Amino acid sequence: MKHVLERLYTVILERRQADPEKSYVARRLKQGTAKIAQKVGEEAVETVIAAMAKDREEVINESADLLFHWLMLLADANIAPAEVMAELERREGMSGLDEKALRKMS
């Protein structure tokens, strides 16, 4: 069974071809990378604001919005969520400081 993020990503890919007048995803994707990235940023800020307010329900809601728009950004860049998950698995068990140092050397 596919993970919910994979299922949602599949829906986003399918809706790329939809009518932008009838599909939020198609409309966002048609607006281009800058607009999609801007929306990811907005959702990230809203998640942070909710967290700072210690509003648990809003953190959940805004996090869901953030992940949804992040998936649209991945679709726009032709990156599958599995590629990001593979990178996380590669980093698993590695110190964050060590991982960051390795990226700087590359």
Foldseek 3Di string as FASTA:
>chain_A
DDDPLQVLLVVLLVCCPPDLVPDVSVVQLVVDLVSLVVQLVVLVVQLVVCVVVVPVVSVVVSVVSNSSSVSSNCVSVVHHVVVVVVVVVVCPPPDPVVVVVVVVVD
